[in-house]
C-alpha atoms as a PDB file:
ATOM      1  CA  MET A   1     -18.196  18.884 -17.086  1.00  0.00           C
ATOM      2  CA  PRO A   2     -14.658  18.094 -16.457  1.00  0.00           C
ATOM      3  CA  GLY A   3     -13.486  16.477 -12.961  1.00  0.00           C
ATOM      4  CA  SER A   4     -17.355  16.004 -12.841  1.00  0.00           C
ATOM      5  CA  PRO A   5     -17.354  12.156 -11.714  1.00  0.00           C
ATOM      6  CA  THR A   6     -18.214   9.095 -14.129  1.00  0.00           C
ATOM      7  CA  PRO A   7     -22.025   9.155 -14.707  1.00  0.00           C
ATOM      8  CA  PRO A   8     -23.659   5.700 -13.557  1.00  0.00           C
ATOM      9  CA  GLY A   9     -23.496   2.695 -15.557  1.00  0.00           C
ATOM     10  CA  THR A  10     -19.959   4.015 -17.987  1.00  0.00           C
ATOM     11  CA  ASP A  11     -17.207   1.817 -19.047  1.00  0.00           C
ATOM     12  CA  ALA A  12     -14.699   4.252 -18.013  1.00  0.00           C
ATOM     13  CA  ALA A  13     -12.053   2.986 -16.847  1.00  0.00           C
ATOM     14  CA  VAL A  14     -10.781   4.231 -13.166  1.00  0.00           C
ATOM     15  CA  VAL A  15      -7.177   4.546 -14.149  1.00  0.00           C
ATOM     16  CA  SER A  16      -6.480   4.798 -17.458  1.00  0.00           C
ATOM     17  CA  LEU A  17      -2.118   5.125 -18.993  1.00  0.00           C
ATOM     18  CA  ARG A  18      -1.873   5.900 -22.642  1.00  0.00           C
ATOM     19  CA  ASP A  19       2.270   5.677 -23.286  1.00  0.00           C
ATOM     20  CA  VAL A  20       2.612   7.342 -20.499  1.00  0.00           C
ATOM     21  CA  SER A  21       6.541   8.168 -19.406  1.00  0.00           C
ATOM     22  CA  VAL A  22       8.259  10.187 -17.021  1.00  0.00           C
ATOM     23  CA  THR A  23      11.593  11.843 -16.097  1.00  0.00           C
ATOM     24  CA  LEU A  24      12.969  13.010 -13.088  1.00  0.00           C
ATOM     25  CA  GLY A  25      16.301  14.945 -13.026  1.00  0.00           C
ATOM     26  CA  GLY A  26      17.650  14.027 -17.152  1.00  0.00           C
ATOM     27  CA  LEU A  27      17.031  10.649 -16.066  1.00  0.00           C
ATOM     28  CA  PRO A  28      13.829   8.417 -17.378  1.00  0.00           C
ATOM     29  CA  ILE A  29      12.108   6.354 -15.215  1.00  0.00           C
ATOM     30  CA  VAL A  30       9.263   5.443 -16.815  1.00  0.00           C
ATOM     31  CA  ARG A  31       9.121   4.277 -20.755  1.00  0.00           C
ATOM     32  CA  GLY A  32       5.635   4.621 -22.509  1.00  0.00           C
ATOM     33  CA  VAL A  33       3.552   2.454 -20.438  1.00  0.00           C
ATOM     34  CA  SER A  34      -0.239   1.668 -21.689  1.00  0.00           C
ATOM     35  CA  ALA A  35      -2.629  -0.035 -19.490  1.00  0.00           C
ATOM     36  CA  ASP A  36      -6.061   0.558 -18.089  1.00  0.00           C
ATOM     37  CA  ILE A  37      -7.669  -0.495 -14.576  1.00  0.00           C
ATOM     38  CA  GLY A  38     -11.076  -1.069 -14.492  1.00  0.00           C
ATOM     39  CA  PRO A  39     -13.749  -0.947 -11.569  1.00  0.00           C
ATOM     40  CA  GLY A  40     -13.518  -3.606  -8.961  1.00  0.00           C
ATOM     41  CA  GLU A  41     -10.179  -4.516 -10.112  1.00  0.00           C
ATOM     42  CA  PHE A  42      -6.915  -5.033  -6.845  1.00  0.00           C
ATOM     43  CA  VAL A  43      -4.030  -5.128  -9.633  1.00  0.00           C
ATOM     44  CA  ALA A  44      -0.564  -4.963  -8.152  1.00  0.00           C
ATOM     45  CA  LEU A  45       2.282  -3.160 -10.186  1.00  0.00           C
ATOM     46  CA  LEU A  46       5.598  -5.164  -9.389  1.00  0.00           C
ATOM     47  CA  GLY A  47       9.203  -4.813  -9.798  1.00  0.00           C
ATOM     48  CA  ALA A  48      12.711  -4.320  -8.352  1.00  0.00           C
ATOM     49  CA  ASN A  49      14.260  -1.588  -6.678  1.00  0.00           C
ATOM     50  CA  GLY A  50      14.406   1.086  -9.662  1.00  0.00           C
ATOM     51  CA  SER A  51      11.948  -0.321 -11.963  1.00  0.00           C
ATOM     52  CA  GLY A  52      10.038   3.313 -12.213  1.00  0.00           C
ATOM     53  CA  LYS A  53       6.781   1.294 -10.274  1.00  0.00           C
ATOM     54  CA  THR A  54       6.372   4.217  -7.353  1.00  0.00           C
ATOM     55  CA  THR A  55       7.394   6.855  -9.883  1.00  0.00           C
ATOM     56  CA  LEU A  56       4.992   5.666 -12.175  1.00  0.00           C
ATOM     57  CA  LEU A  57       2.097   5.485  -8.727  1.00  0.00           C
ATOM     58  CA  ARG A  58       3.190   8.670  -8.075  1.00  0.00           C
ATOM     59  CA  ALA A  59       2.242   9.884 -12.140  1.00  0.00           C
ATOM     60  CA  VAL A  60      -0.955   9.079 -11.536  1.00  0.00           C
ATOM     61  CA  LEU A  61      -1.555  10.502  -8.106  1.00  0.00           C
ATOM     62  CA  ARG A  62       0.282  14.012 -10.496  1.00  0.00           C
ATOM     63  CA  LEU A  63       3.065  13.778  -7.387  1.00  0.00           C
ATOM     64  CA  VAL A  64       5.324  14.055 -10.057  1.00  0.00           C
ATOM     65  CA  PRO A  65       4.625  15.385 -13.290  1.00  0.00           C
ATOM     66  CA  HIS A  66       4.573  13.258 -16.860  1.00  0.00           C
ATOM     67  CA  GLN A  67       6.728  14.589 -20.232  1.00  0.00           C
ATOM     68  CA  ARG A  68       4.893  12.072 -22.639  1.00  0.00           C
ATOM     69  CA  GLY A  69       1.923  10.148 -23.125  1.00  0.00           C
ATOM     70  CA  ARG A  70      -1.925  10.133 -21.502  1.00  0.00           C
ATOM     71  CA  ILE A  71      -3.345   9.843 -18.000  1.00  0.00           C
ATOM     72  CA  GLU A  72      -7.150   9.639 -17.317  1.00  0.00           C
ATOM     73  CA  LEU A  73      -8.688   8.951 -13.758  1.00  0.00           C
ATOM     74  CA  PHE A  74     -12.369   7.935 -14.359  1.00  0.00           C
ATOM     75  CA  GLY A  75     -12.413   8.944 -17.600  1.00  0.00           C
ATOM     76  CA  VAL A  76     -11.742  12.401 -17.591  1.00  0.00           C
ATOM     77  CA  PRO A  77      -8.232  13.761 -18.591  1.00  0.00           C
ATOM     78  CA  GLN A  78      -5.842  13.332 -15.245  1.00  0.00           C
ATOM     79  CA  HIS A  79      -5.015  18.057 -16.109  1.00  0.00           C
ATOM     80  CA  GLU A  80      -8.878  18.748 -16.030  1.00  0.00           C
ATOM     81  CA  PHE A  81      -9.148  16.120 -13.168  1.00  0.00           C
ATOM     82  CA  HIS A  82     -10.773  17.493  -9.256  1.00  0.00           C
ATOM     83  CA  ASP A  83     -12.392  14.890  -7.183  1.00  0.00           C
ATOM     84  CA  TRP A  84      -9.393  13.711  -5.821  1.00  0.00           C
ATOM     85  CA  ARG A  85     -11.916  12.635  -2.747  1.00  0.00           C
ATOM     86  CA  ARG A  86     -12.285   9.044  -5.110  1.00  0.00           C
ATOM     87  CA  ILE A  87      -8.981   8.365  -4.809  1.00  0.00           C
ATOM     88  CA  GLY A  88      -7.148   7.440  -1.155  1.00  0.00           C
ATOM     89  CA  TYR A  89      -3.292   6.818  -1.188  1.00  0.00           C
ATOM     90  CA  VAL A  90      -1.358   5.622   1.732  1.00  0.00           C
ATOM     91  CA  PRO A  91       2.174   6.386   1.327  1.00  0.00           C
ATOM     92  CA  GLN A  92       4.926   3.707   2.647  1.00  0.00           C
ATOM     93  CA  HIS A  93       6.371   6.489   4.978  1.00  0.00           C
ATOM     94  CA  VAL A  94       4.871   8.394   7.925  1.00  0.00           C
ATOM     95  CA  ASP A  95       6.057  12.376   7.644  1.00  0.00           C
ATOM     96  CA  PRO A  96       8.286  12.583  10.327  1.00  0.00           C
ATOM     97  CA  GLY A  97       6.227  16.034  10.701  1.00  0.00           C
ATOM     98  CA  LEU A  98       3.128  13.864  12.056  1.00  0.00           C
ATOM     99  CA  LEU A  99       4.618  11.430  14.211  1.00  0.00           C
ATOM    100  CA  THR A 100       2.765  13.461  17.540  1.00  0.00           C
ATOM    101  CA  ALA A 101      -0.348  13.961  15.859  1.00  0.00           C
ATOM    102  CA  THR A 102      -2.942  11.158  17.011  1.00  0.00           C
ATOM    103  CA  VAL A 103      -4.403   8.671  14.908  1.00  0.00           C
ATOM    104  CA  ARG A 104      -7.940  10.220  15.028  1.00  0.00           C
ATOM    105  CA  GLU A 105      -5.651  14.060  14.095  1.00  0.00           C
ATOM    106  CA  ILE A 106      -4.423  11.897  11.344  1.00  0.00           C
ATOM    107  CA  VAL A 107      -7.512  10.667  10.244  1.00  0.00           C
ATOM    108  CA  ALA A 108      -9.625  13.840  10.280  1.00  0.00           C
ATOM    109  CA  ALA A 109      -6.775  15.356   8.111  1.00  0.00           C
ATOM    110  CA  GLY A 110      -7.870  12.858   5.619  1.00  0.00           C
ATOM    111  CA  ARG A 111     -12.005  14.730   5.588  1.00  0.00           C
ATOM    112  CA  LEU A 112      -9.966  18.361   4.807  1.00  0.00           C
ATOM    113  CA  PRO A 113     -10.985  17.918   0.844  1.00  0.00           C
ATOM    114  CA  LEU A 114     -14.320  17.233   1.704  1.00  0.00           C
ATOM    115  CA  ARG A 115     -14.585  20.433   4.504  1.00  0.00           C
ATOM    116  CA  ARG A 116     -15.518  24.489   3.865  1.00  0.00           C
ATOM    117  CA  PRO A 117     -12.498  26.723   5.237  1.00  0.00           C
ATOM    118  CA  PHE A 118     -11.881  27.462   9.121  1.00  0.00           C
ATOM    119  CA  MET A 119     -14.829  25.693   9.228  1.00  0.00           C
ATOM    120  CA  PRO A 120     -15.439  22.945  12.274  1.00  0.00           C
ATOM    121  CA  PRO A 121     -15.896  19.725  11.667  1.00  0.00           C
ATOM    122  CA  ARG A 122     -19.087  18.144  10.935  1.00  0.00           C
ATOM    123  CA  ARG A 123     -21.251  15.266  12.061  1.00  0.00           C
ATOM    124  CA  ALA A 124     -20.956  13.624   8.623  1.00  0.00           C
ATOM    125  CA  ASP A 125     -16.738  14.187   9.704  1.00  0.00           C
ATOM    126  CA  ARG A 126     -16.311  13.050  12.601  1.00  0.00           C
ATOM    127  CA  GLU A 127     -18.763   9.647  11.334  1.00  0.00           C
ATOM    128  CA  ALA A 128     -16.300   8.799   8.729  1.00  0.00           C
ATOM    129  CA  VAL A 129     -13.402   9.217  11.180  1.00  0.00           C
ATOM    130  CA  ASP A 130     -15.016   7.148  13.618  1.00  0.00           C
ATOM    131  CA  ARG A 131     -15.588   4.602  10.236  1.00  0.00           C
ATOM    132  CA  ALA A 132     -12.546   4.687   9.275  1.00  0.00           C
ATOM    133  CA  ILE A 133     -10.597   3.904  12.358  1.00  0.00           C
ATOM    134  CA  ARG A 134     -12.830   1.184  13.461  1.00  0.00           C
ATOM    135  CA  GLU A 135     -12.231  -0.451  10.472  1.00  0.00           C
ATOM    136  CA  VAL A 136      -8.727  -0.338  10.755  1.00  0.00           C
ATOM    137  CA  GLY A 137      -9.086  -2.251  14.173  1.00  0.00           C
ATOM    138  CA  LEU A 138      -7.788   1.722  15.567  1.00  0.00           C
ATOM    139  CA  THR A 139     -10.510   2.700  17.721  1.00  0.00           C
ATOM    140  CA  ALA A 140      -8.432   1.538  21.496  1.00  0.00           C
ATOM    141  CA  LYS A 141      -5.971   3.866  19.785  1.00  0.00           C
ATOM    142  CA  ALA A 142      -6.950   6.667  18.503  1.00  0.00           C
ATOM    143  CA  GLY A 143      -5.716   9.007  20.932  1.00  0.00           C
ATOM    144  CA  THR A 144      -2.542   7.988  20.741  1.00  0.00           C
ATOM    145  CA  GLN A 145       0.194   9.816  19.251  1.00  0.00           C
ATOM    146  CA  LEU A 146       1.538   7.576  16.241  1.00  0.00           C
ATOM    147  CA  ALA A 147       5.789   7.823  17.935  1.00  0.00           C
ATOM    148  CA  HIS A 148       4.055   5.287  20.349  1.00  0.00           C
ATOM    149  CA  LEU A 149       2.561   2.903  17.204  1.00  0.00           C
ATOM    150  CA  SER A 150       4.853  -0.006  15.860  1.00  0.00           C
ATOM    151  CA  GLY A 151       4.858  -0.502  11.963  1.00  0.00           C
ATOM    152  CA  GLY A 152       2.262  -1.722  11.575  1.00  0.00           C
ATOM    153  CA  GLN A 153      -0.222   0.339  13.497  1.00  0.00           C
ATOM    154  CA  ARG A 154       0.965   3.736  11.176  1.00  0.00           C
ATOM    155  CA  ARG A 155       0.655   1.472   8.564  1.00  0.00           C
ATOM    156  CA  ARG A 156      -3.186   1.125   9.914  1.00  0.00           C
ATOM    157  CA  ALA A 157      -3.532   4.766  10.228  1.00  0.00           C
ATOM    158  CA  LEU A 158      -2.373   5.468   7.530  1.00  0.00           C
ATOM    159  CA  ILE A 159      -4.986   3.170   5.252  1.00  0.00           C
ATOM    160  CA  ALA A 160      -8.129   4.730   8.050  1.00  0.00           C
ATOM    161  CA  ARG A 161      -6.994   8.035   6.742  1.00  0.00           C
ATOM    162  CA  ALA A 162      -7.302   7.119   3.123  1.00  0.00           C
ATOM    163  CA  LEU A 163     -10.378   5.833   3.292  1.00  0.00           C
ATOM    164  CA  ALA A 164     -12.110   9.047   5.792  1.00  0.00           C
ATOM    165  CA  THR A 165     -13.314  10.145   2.242  1.00  0.00           C
ATOM    166  CA  ASP A 166     -14.962   6.807   1.144  1.00  0.00           C
ATOM    167  CA  PRO A 167     -12.817   6.642  -1.908  1.00  0.00           C
ATOM    168  CA  GLU A 168     -13.068   4.305  -5.294  1.00  0.00           C
ATOM    169  CA  LEU A 169      -9.909   4.392  -5.884  1.00  0.00           C
ATOM    170  CA  LEU A 170      -7.363   2.770  -2.643  1.00  0.00           C
ATOM    171  CA  VAL A 171      -3.863   3.849  -4.055  1.00  0.00           C
ATOM    172  CA  MET A 172      -0.806   1.755  -1.827  1.00  0.00           C
ATOM    173  CA  ASP A 173       3.004   2.205  -1.861  1.00  0.00           C
ATOM    174  CA  GLU A 174       4.610  -0.582  -0.569  1.00  0.00           C
ATOM    175  CA  PRO A 175       2.363  -1.549   2.343  1.00  0.00           C
ATOM    176  CA  LEU A 176       4.609  -4.785   3.562  1.00  0.00           C
ATOM    177  CA  ALA A 177       7.597  -3.082   3.085  1.00  0.00           C
ATOM    178  CA  GLY A 178       9.494  -2.953   6.723  1.00  0.00           C
ATOM    179  CA  VAL A 179       6.878  -4.622   8.224  1.00  0.00           C
ATOM    180  CA  ASP A 180       7.493  -8.574   9.847  1.00  0.00           C
ATOM    181  CA  VAL A 181       5.704 -11.232   8.572  1.00  0.00           C
ATOM    182  CA  ALA A 182       2.895 -11.712  10.754  1.00  0.00           C
ATOM    183  CA  THR A 183       1.693  -7.888  10.717  1.00  0.00           C
ATOM    184  CA  GLN A 184       2.535  -8.365   6.241  1.00  0.00           C
ATOM    185  CA  GLN A 185      -0.856 -11.243   7.079  1.00  0.00           C
ATOM    186  CA  SER A 186      -2.511  -8.793   8.842  1.00  0.00           C
ATOM    187  CA  LEU A 187      -2.481  -6.244   6.311  1.00  0.00           C
ATOM    188  CA  ALA A 188      -4.067  -8.466   3.862  1.00  0.00           C
ATOM    189  CA  ASP A 189      -6.452  -9.593   5.569  1.00  0.00           C
ATOM    190  CA  LEU A 190      -7.518  -6.002   6.518  1.00  0.00           C
ATOM    191  CA  LEU A 191      -7.425  -5.283   2.740  1.00  0.00           C
ATOM    192  CA  ARG A 192      -9.575  -8.724   2.133  1.00  0.00           C
ATOM    193  CA  THR A 193     -12.203  -7.369   4.425  1.00  0.00           C
ATOM    194  CA  LEU A 194     -12.108  -3.800   2.872  1.00  0.00           C
ATOM    195  CA  THR A 195     -12.874  -5.120  -0.714  1.00  0.00           C
ATOM    196  CA  ALA A 196     -15.596  -7.414   0.542  1.00  0.00           C
ATOM    197  CA  ASP A 197     -17.013  -4.137   2.885  1.00  0.00           C
ATOM    198  CA  ARG A 198     -16.470  -1.548   0.052  1.00  0.00           C
ATOM    199  CA  ARG A 199     -16.864  -1.368  -3.550  1.00  0.00           C
ATOM    200  CA  LEU A 200     -12.812  -0.567  -3.478  1.00  0.00           C
ATOM    201  CA  THR A 201     -10.197  -0.314  -6.927  1.00  0.00           C
ATOM    202  CA  VAL A 202      -7.097  -1.160  -5.229  1.00  0.00           C
ATOM    203  CA  LEU A 203      -3.578  -0.384  -7.573  1.00  0.00           C
ATOM    204  CA  VAL A 204      -0.706  -1.180  -4.738  1.00  0.00           C
ATOM    205  CA  VAL A 205       3.008  -0.995  -5.324  1.00  0.00           C
ATOM    206  CA  LEU A 206       5.017  -4.423  -4.451  1.00  0.00           C
ATOM    207  CA  HIS A 207       8.066  -6.268  -4.487  1.00  0.00           C
ATOM    208  CA  GLU A 208       6.226  -9.410  -4.724  1.00  0.00           C
ATOM    209  CA  HIS A 209       2.454 -11.499  -4.373  1.00  0.00           C
ATOM    210  CA  GLY A 210       3.235 -12.236  -0.411  1.00  0.00           C
ATOM    211  CA  PRO A 211       0.430 -12.579   1.638  1.00  0.00           C
ATOM    212  CA  PHE A 212      -1.669 -10.386  -0.862  1.00  0.00           C
ATOM    213  CA  ALA A 213      -1.512 -13.718  -3.435  1.00  0.00           C
ATOM    214  CA  ASP A 214      -4.973 -14.212  -2.968  1.00  0.00           C
ATOM    215  CA  LEU A 215      -6.291 -10.777  -3.328  1.00  0.00           C
ATOM    216  CA  VAL A 216      -4.269 -10.032  -6.785  1.00  0.00           C
ATOM    217  CA  ARG A 217      -6.610 -10.347 -10.021  1.00  0.00           C
ATOM    218  CA  ARG A 218      -3.724  -8.988 -11.910  1.00  0.00           C
ATOM    219  CA  SER A 219       0.056  -8.222 -12.511  1.00  0.00           C
ATOM    220  CA  LEU A 220       2.244  -4.620 -13.812  1.00  0.00           C
ATOM    221  CA  LEU A 221       5.577  -5.699 -14.083  1.00  0.00           C
ATOM    222  CA  LEU A 222       7.639  -2.917 -14.654  1.00  0.00           C
ATOM    223  CA  GLN A 223      11.390  -3.581 -15.732  1.00  0.00           C
ATOM    224  CA  ASP A 224      13.924  -0.236 -16.167  1.00  0.00           C
ATOM    225  CA  GLY A 225      10.600   1.553 -16.597  1.00  0.00           C
ATOM    226  CA  ARG A 226       9.273  -0.884 -18.764  1.00  0.00           C
ATOM    227  CA  LEU A 227       5.880  -3.070 -18.787  1.00  0.00           C
ATOM    228  CA  VAL A 228       7.276  -6.115 -19.661  1.00  0.00           C
ATOM    229  CA  PHE A 229       3.814  -7.480 -18.818  1.00  0.00           C
ATOM    230  CA  ASP A 230       0.200  -7.425 -17.504  1.00  0.00           C
ATOM    231  CA  GLY A 231      -2.227  -9.739 -16.735  1.00  0.00           C
ATOM    232  CA  VAL A 232      -2.633 -12.690 -14.039  1.00  0.00           C
ATOM    233  CA  GLY A 233       0.664 -14.409 -13.755  1.00  0.00           C
ATOM    234  CA  PHE A 234       3.516 -14.336 -16.079  1.00  0.00           C
ATOM    235  CA  ASP A 235       7.269 -16.427 -16.952  1.00  0.00           C
ATOM    236  CA  PRO A 236      10.154 -15.328 -15.991  1.00  0.00           C
ATOM    237  CA  ASP A 237      11.517 -17.180 -18.332  1.00  0.00           C
ATOM    238  CA  LEU A 238       9.667 -16.370 -21.591  1.00  0.00           C
ATOM    239  CA  PRO A 239      10.720 -13.167 -23.642  1.00  0.00           C
ATOM    240  CA  HIS A 240       9.300 -10.243 -22.374  1.00  0.00           C
ATOM    241  CA  GLU A 241       7.508  -9.679 -26.109  1.00  0.00           C
ATOM    242  CA  HIS A 242       5.715 -12.482 -24.956  1.00  0.00           C
ATOM    243  CA  HIS A 243       4.140 -11.172 -21.998  1.00  0.00           C
ATOM    244  CA  LEU A 244       1.942  -8.369 -23.535  1.00  0.00           C
ATOM    245  CA  PRO A 245      -0.183  -7.983 -26.635  1.00  0.00           C
ATOM    246  CA  PRO A 246       1.472  -6.083 -28.934  1.00  0.00           C
ATOM    247  CA  GLU A 247      -0.314  -2.510 -28.907  1.00  0.00           C
ATOM    248  CA  HIS A 248       1.169  -2.509 -24.913  1.00  0.00           C
ATOM    249  CA  VAL A 249       4.947  -2.897 -25.722  1.00  0.00           C
ATOM    250  CA  SER A 250       6.505  -0.102 -26.006  1.00  0.00           C
ATOM    251  CA  SER A 251       7.971   1.455 -29.506  1.00  0.00           C
ATOM    252  CA  HIS A 252      10.803   3.865 -28.120  1.00  0.00           C
ATOM    253  CA  ASN A 253      13.790   1.289 -27.890  1.00  0.00           C
ATOM    254  CA  ASP A 254      16.128   4.264 -25.242  1.00  0.00           C
ATOM    255  CA  TRP A 255      17.283   1.078 -23.328  1.00  0.00           C
ATOM    256  CA  VAL A 256      19.705   1.788 -20.428  1.00  0.00           C
ATOM    257  CA  PRO A 257      21.084  -0.130 -17.251  1.00  0.00           C
ATOM    258  CA  ALA A 258      18.387  -0.045 -13.847  1.00  0.00           C
ATOM    259  CA  TYR A 259      18.645   1.566 -11.441  1.00  0.00           C
ATOM    260  CA  PRO A 260      20.810   1.525  -8.518  1.00  0.00           C
ATOM    261  CA  SER A 261      18.752  -0.118  -6.028  1.00  0.00           C
ATOM    262  CA  PHE A 262      18.019   1.351  -3.262  1.00  0.00           C
ATOM    263  CA  PRO A 263      18.750  -0.243   0.394  1.00  0.00           C
ATOM    264  CA  GLU A 264      15.734  -2.059   1.857  1.00  0.00           C
ATOM    265  CA  PRO A 265      14.274  -0.147   5.371  1.00  0.00           C
ATOM    266  CA  GLU A 266      14.481  -1.763   8.756  1.00  0.00           C
ATOM    267  CA  GLN A 267      12.111  -4.083   9.673  1.00  0.00           C
ATOM    268  CA  GLU A 268       9.661  -2.645  12.261  1.00  0.00           C
ATOM    269  CA  ASP A 269       7.851  -4.620  15.460  1.00  0.00           C
ATOM    270  CA  ALA A 270       4.041  -5.425  14.363  1.00  0.00           C
END
């Protein structure tokens, strides 16, 4: 049945990309990317500003359309996939409209896909929210508005919201951006605990491995929208064709210069 869970014991990739290309505003952003992410992998999607990594992430989540290629989630074609509770998404920034909401309200919103419309939360919903808040270390801040939290605490609240549906895939967009080194390390420690306690596959957008270095088991490197490396480590001095097996090298030659870089976000306190 389309959109149904992958049967236990199958070897279907959690995310499968085949020749995926994305064009936004008439500009090619992602160019012919192919890769598979298997169950339990912790994968970093790397690249400079403007390399296409966040756009590719958003295409996986169906937040932007892809014009060419095929995306599958848990073995199901993306356009037939409906079981989004299996995927937890942590955006880079908090929507300003949510800053007056409390941590509990933010995390409870993560349960909405599992609740019947207009029905109050069930005991299972409340317990899942409490567990997620506890896991990210925000129990004492559950009644605090996001506006009164530090940058690191806001990230933890968004992670808790993503965990509220007990997802199998956790997708994070630059969780280390805009926070200080101590907060980056605390987020890495949190992810280390979460991946040990939960059976999670993780796909995370990063500029560099940083404190996630010992967590990352595989890296995908994008340059000008192309996947130029897929593996455990890479030598930047090697020609790009040595980074990937032939079946993963884009056959499209519509090369253009890198897109303009965006300014780095301001640093926030832990």
